[in-house]
Amino acid sequence: MKFKVVLLSHTPEPEKVVATAAKLCYSNATVENIFEKLDDETIKNFLNFLLEVGHQSPLEHVSFTFGIEGVSRSFTHQLVRHRIASYSQQSQRYVKMEGFDYIIPPSIEEDEELKSIFMDIMNQIAKSYAILSEKLQKKHIERFKMQGISEKEALKKAEKMAIEDARYVLPNACETKIIMTMNARELLHFFSERCCNRAQWEIRTVADKILELVKNVAPNIFKFAGPKCIRLGYCSEGKFSCGEIQKVREKYLGKKREEHENY
């Protein structure tokens, strides 16, 4: 299943909201007249100033909500480590994973022998999951019936208990879906870590897509977003550097490179 990222919602006029917060910090404007003289050029100037001096707290006033699917549990285990965010993920306790979809890493996908081994393992797991679910469900139903619980209620309770234990055999490759909400400041940090060439391939691919989406609605906030070397001008990974800083900067800065280097 091919991954999909959808920008479900975001704070209306995000750049104006951030500029408004910045204006309140640096002027004698009141909340009643805060929007006065806040035209497009002024908004852009406020945002450029914030990015230049590193004053990021105004960015926390805007948030973006994404729907992400066609990704692995391995991916979401990394994603939720970004703690300044909100997540809602498809539950393996309540959703039966029989015949589950799974994600195949590109390095395996491109090799027919490895792909065959990988798919055989996934099929074996799917069969084991189905057997465990069925046998556990029957076991729980019998126990509930002995307790005098109706057949309908016993079936309902038994299925949930069965799949929440059967899920222990499911792999990191298992496909999942998640909704994520992050504010703009945390998104910039997310991009700095996950757009890096050293990030795992799946979360890097998703991060690049998220960056593309937010740039469409808040281009001035995210115009210099990307791995840390974009802002620093050098790689902070030391001996772990990918050694391709020039290519990385060109990828994320493009024509804005000269403008950025003037900062």
Foldseek 3Di string as FASTA:
>chain_A
DDKDKDFPDKDPPLLLQLLLVLCVVPHVDDPVCSCPPCDPVSSLVSLVVCVVVVVCPSLQVMKIKMKIWPAFLLLVVVVCVLPQKDKDKDDQLPDPQQVFDFDDDPVQVVDVVSVVVVVVVQVVLNVQLVVQLVVQLVVQLVVVVVVVDDSVVSNVVSNSVRRVVSCVSPDRRGIIIMMMMHGLSSLLVLQQPQCAPPHDPRSNVVNVVVLVVVCVSCVSNSLQGHHPCSLVVDDPPPPVHPPPSVVRNCVRNPPVSVVSVVD
